[in-house]
N, C-alpha and C. Protein backbone atom coordinates (compact mmCIF):
# COMPACT_ATOMS: atom_id res chain seq x y z
N UNK A 1 116.87 154.18 112.82
CA UNK A 1 115.55 154.14 112.21
C UNK A 1 115.06 155.02 111.26
N UNK A 2 115.29 156.36 111.97
CA UNK A 2 114.67 157.45 111.72
C UNK A 2 115.50 158.10 110.12
N UNK A 3 116.49 157.45 110.19
CA UNK A 3 117.18 157.76 108.77
C UNK A 3 117.88 159.37 108.81
N UNK A 4 118.24 159.59 109.99
CA UNK A 4 118.69 160.68 110.39
C UNK A 4 120.12 160.55 111.35
N UNK A 5 121.05 161.87 110.68
CA UNK A 5 122.19 161.09 111.10
C UNK A 5 122.56 161.45 113.00
N UNK A 6 123.59 161.39 113.30
CA UNK A 6 123.62 161.62 114.76
C UNK A 6 124.12 162.92 114.99
N UNK A 7 124.43 163.60 113.88
CA UNK A 7 124.59 165.36 113.28
C UNK A 7 123.51 165.84 113.82
N UNK A 8 122.78 165.82 113.00
CA UNK A 8 121.52 166.49 112.92
C UNK A 8 120.44 166.29 114.23
N UNK A 9 120.43 164.86 115.09
CA UNK A 9 119.79 164.46 115.90
C UNK A 9 120.34 165.64 117.20
N UNK A 10 121.81 165.93 117.35
CA UNK A 10 122.50 166.65 118.31
C UNK A 10 121.88 167.93 118.34
N UNK A 11 122.25 168.60 116.79
CA UNK A 11 121.69 170.00 116.84
C UNK A 11 120.42 170.27 117.21
N UNK A 12 119.30 169.17 116.80
CA UNK A 12 118.24 169.18 117.70
C UNK A 12 118.51 169.55 118.83
N UNK A 13 118.72 168.73 119.33
CA UNK A 13 118.55 168.58 121.20
C UNK A 13 119.64 170.26 121.53
N UNK A 14 120.03 170.59 120.74
CA UNK A 14 120.84 171.77 121.63
C UNK A 14 120.29 173.02 121.20
N UNK A 15 119.68 173.08 120.30
CA UNK A 15 118.99 174.06 120.20
C UNK A 15 119.49 174.78 119.08
N UNK A 16 120.70 174.04 117.98
CA UNK A 16 121.35 174.37 117.54
C UNK A 16 120.64 174.65 115.87
N UNK A 17 119.62 173.96 115.69
CA UNK A 17 118.86 174.44 114.35
C UNK A 17 117.60 173.75 115.08
N UNK A 18 116.44 174.30 114.18
CA UNK A 18 114.75 173.96 114.60
C UNK A 18 114.27 172.96 113.74
N UNK A 19 113.88 171.90 114.53
CA UNK A 19 113.02 170.44 113.58
C UNK A 19 111.78 171.09 112.59
N UNK A 20 112.01 170.57 111.50
CA UNK A 20 110.92 170.55 110.72
C UNK A 20 110.00 169.73 111.10
N UNK A 21 108.66 170.18 110.56
CA UNK A 21 107.70 169.25 110.61
C UNK A 21 107.78 167.98 110.36
N UNK A 22 107.88 167.77 109.14
CA UNK A 22 108.53 166.53 108.46
C UNK A 22 109.48 165.69 109.55
N UNK A 23 110.53 166.10 110.48
CA UNK A 23 111.28 165.78 110.87
C UNK A 23 110.83 165.38 112.25
N UNK A 24 110.00 166.07 112.56
CA UNK A 24 108.97 165.92 114.51
C UNK A 24 108.26 164.55 114.08
N UNK A 25 107.47 164.63 112.99
CA UNK A 25 106.94 163.58 112.98
C UNK A 25 107.33 162.16 112.42
N UNK A 26 108.88 162.33 111.95
CA UNK A 26 109.29 161.47 111.61
C UNK A 26 109.67 160.41 113.18
N UNK A 27 110.37 161.60 113.83
CA UNK A 27 110.64 160.99 115.06
C UNK A 27 109.92 160.26 115.68
N UNK A 28 108.55 160.86 116.15
CA UNK A 28 107.65 160.51 116.86
C UNK A 28 107.02 159.40 116.42
N UNK A 29 107.29 159.19 114.74
CA UNK A 29 106.43 157.97 114.60
C UNK A 29 107.52 156.68 114.42
N UNK A 30 109.23 157.12 114.82
CA UNK A 30 110.30 155.85 115.11
C UNK A 30 110.30 155.78 116.78
N UNK A 31 109.51 156.90 117.53
CA UNK A 31 109.38 156.31 118.59
C UNK A 31 108.50 156.00 119.52
N UNK A 32 107.48 155.63 118.00
CA UNK A 32 106.59 155.30 118.64
C UNK A 32 105.30 155.41 119.48
N UNK A 33 105.33 157.37 119.48
CA UNK A 33 104.14 157.92 120.69
C UNK A 33 103.12 158.19 119.88
N UNK A 34 102.20 158.32 121.39
CA UNK A 34 100.75 158.21 120.78
C UNK A 34 100.66 159.75 119.91
N UNK A 35 99.76 159.26 119.40
CA UNK A 35 98.97 160.59 118.76
C UNK A 35 99.38 162.13 119.57
N UNK A 36 98.77 161.96 120.96
CA UNK A 36 98.54 163.26 121.81
C UNK A 36 99.88 163.79 121.76
N UNK A 37 101.15 163.06 122.33
CA UNK A 37 102.30 163.04 122.44
C UNK A 37 102.85 163.83 121.02
N UNK A 38 102.76 163.11 119.99
CA UNK A 38 103.24 163.80 118.97
C UNK A 38 102.37 165.20 118.53
N UNK A 39 101.39 165.58 118.81
CA UNK A 39 100.82 166.64 118.49
C UNK A 39 101.50 167.77 119.65
N UNK A 40 101.45 167.13 120.54
CA UNK A 40 102.48 168.13 121.98
C UNK A 40 103.83 168.60 121.04
N UNK A 41 104.30 167.28 120.92
CA UNK A 41 105.70 168.43 119.92
C UNK A 41 105.86 169.40 119.04
N UNK A 42 104.56 168.90 117.91
CA UNK A 42 104.37 169.38 117.54
C UNK A 42 103.75 171.18 117.44
N UNK A 43 103.24 171.09 118.82
CA UNK A 43 102.73 172.37 119.68
C UNK A 43 104.00 173.09 120.38
N UNK A 44 104.78 172.79 120.71
CA UNK A 44 105.99 172.63 121.48
C UNK A 44 106.79 173.76 120.72
N UNK A 45 106.81 173.41 119.14
CA UNK A 45 107.78 173.51 118.16
C UNK A 45 107.25 174.69 117.15
N UNK A 46 105.91 175.18 117.79
CA UNK A 46 104.97 176.26 116.69
C UNK A 46 104.65 175.55 115.55
N UNK A 47 104.20 174.27 115.63
CA UNK A 47 103.59 174.05 114.29
C UNK A 47 102.15 173.69 114.55
N UNK A 48 100.77 173.62 113.95
CA UNK A 48 100.03 173.32 114.04
C UNK A 48 99.88 171.55 114.18
N UNK A 49 98.91 170.80 115.59
CA UNK A 49 98.87 169.55 115.46
C UNK A 49 98.48 168.93 114.40
N UNK A 50 98.83 167.54 114.31
CA UNK A 50 98.90 166.94 112.95
C UNK A 50 97.20 166.34 112.94
N UNK A 51 96.32 166.40 113.77
CA UNK A 51 94.91 165.96 113.84
C UNK A 51 94.51 166.23 114.95
N UNK A 52 92.91 166.13 115.31
CA UNK A 52 92.83 166.68 116.65
C UNK A 52 91.93 165.21 116.61
N UNK A 53 91.78 165.18 118.17
CA UNK A 53 90.94 163.81 119.11
C UNK A 53 90.17 164.66 118.90
N UNK A 54 88.61 163.72 119.09
CA UNK A 54 86.90 164.32 119.12
C UNK A 54 86.69 162.78 119.79
N UNK A 55 86.47 163.30 121.06
CA UNK A 55 85.48 162.22 121.84
C UNK A 55 83.75 161.89 121.18
N UNK A 56 83.96 160.83 120.92
CA UNK A 56 82.86 160.83 120.36
C UNK A 56 81.44 160.50 121.13
N UNK A 57 81.99 161.17 122.97
CA UNK A 57 80.56 161.83 123.51
C UNK A 57 80.02 162.44 123.76
N UNK A 58 80.62 163.66 122.94
CA UNK A 58 80.56 165.32 122.86
C UNK A 58 79.72 165.33 121.60
N UNK A 59 78.81 166.61 122.39
CA UNK A 59 77.42 166.51 121.66
C UNK A 59 77.86 167.26 119.92
N UNK A 60 78.98 167.65 120.10
CA UNK A 60 79.29 167.92 118.49
C UNK A 60 79.43 166.95 117.78
N UNK A 61 79.54 165.85 118.14
CA UNK A 61 79.10 164.52 117.68
C UNK A 61 78.44 163.40 117.42
N UNK A 62 76.97 164.40 117.88
CA UNK A 62 75.72 163.51 117.86
C UNK A 62 75.66 163.27 116.48
N UNK A 63 75.46 163.88 115.78
CA UNK A 63 75.19 163.21 114.17
C UNK A 63 76.18 161.99 113.58
N UNK A 64 77.21 161.93 114.21
CA UNK A 64 78.35 160.60 114.10
C UNK A 64 77.97 159.82 114.71
N UNK A 65 77.24 159.49 116.14
CA UNK A 65 76.64 158.90 116.31
C UNK A 65 75.07 158.46 115.84
N UNK A 66 74.42 158.87 115.32
CA UNK A 66 73.44 158.65 115.01
C UNK A 66 73.72 157.91 113.79
N UNK A 67 74.55 158.47 112.92
CA UNK A 67 74.69 157.56 111.91
C UNK A 67 75.24 156.30 111.80
N UNK A 68 76.41 156.19 112.78
CA UNK A 68 76.94 154.94 112.91
C UNK A 68 76.01 154.12 113.96
N UNK A 69 74.79 154.53 114.69
CA UNK A 69 73.84 153.75 115.29
C UNK A 69 73.15 153.14 113.77
N UNK A 70 72.80 154.24 113.14
CA UNK A 70 71.88 153.62 111.75
C UNK A 70 72.66 152.60 110.70
N UNK A 71 73.84 152.84 110.68
CA UNK A 71 74.60 151.94 110.06
C UNK A 71 74.77 150.54 110.58
N UNK A 72 75.13 150.52 111.90
CA UNK A 72 75.04 149.41 112.65
C UNK A 72 73.37 148.24 113.00
N UNK A 73 72.47 149.38 113.23
CA UNK A 73 71.14 148.88 112.84
C UNK A 73 70.75 148.16 112.21
N UNK A 74 71.14 149.12 110.32
CA UNK A 74 70.40 147.97 109.43
C UNK A 74 71.34 147.17 108.91
N UNK A 75 72.28 147.06 109.56
CA UNK A 75 73.93 145.96 109.14
C UNK A 75 72.77 144.72 109.81
N UNK A 76 72.21 144.68 111.05
CA UNK A 76 71.43 143.57 111.42
C UNK A 76 71.49 142.19 111.59
N UNK A 77 71.50 141.63 110.42
CA UNK A 77 71.54 140.04 110.52
C UNK A 77 73.15 139.69 110.56
N UNK A 78 73.98 140.55 110.05
CA UNK A 78 75.21 140.21 110.01
C UNK A 78 76.15 140.83 110.92
N UNK A 79 77.14 140.30 111.17
CA UNK A 79 78.00 140.79 112.51
C UNK A 79 78.33 141.54 112.25
N UNK A 80 79.01 143.18 112.73
CA UNK A 80 79.20 144.60 112.49
C UNK A 80 79.86 145.38 113.48
N UNK A 81 80.97 145.58 113.64
CA UNK A 81 81.59 147.00 114.50
C UNK A 81 81.99 147.63 114.20
N UNK A 82 82.33 148.82 114.88
CA UNK A 82 83.21 150.30 114.51
C UNK A 82 84.26 150.42 115.57
N UNK A 83 85.19 150.72 114.50
CA UNK A 83 86.89 150.51 115.57
C UNK A 83 87.09 152.26 114.90
N UNK A 84 87.70 152.38 116.21
CA UNK A 84 88.57 154.05 116.73
C UNK A 84 89.83 153.70 114.85
N UNK A 85 89.99 154.47 114.61
CA UNK A 85 91.35 153.87 113.55
C UNK A 85 92.37 154.51 113.85
N UNK A 86 93.03 154.95 115.19
CA UNK A 86 94.20 154.94 115.62
C UNK A 86 95.10 153.97 116.06
């Protein structure tokens, strides 16, 4: 499903070659790993995370919460909701 030869996977597993960032992301996608686990794999291989996960309740996210509240309040007569994109 990842379109990778068993030879290549075997070499990654045994440490004979290091996986590229793209390979790690491809395997994580095929394995349907959560974003946090994909980032853990990237970190373990020495790569930067693919993205960060922010807590909407954090102090740094106050402007985002205020903007979402304003949008939803002004959308009052029509149904609306905010969803996490992950």
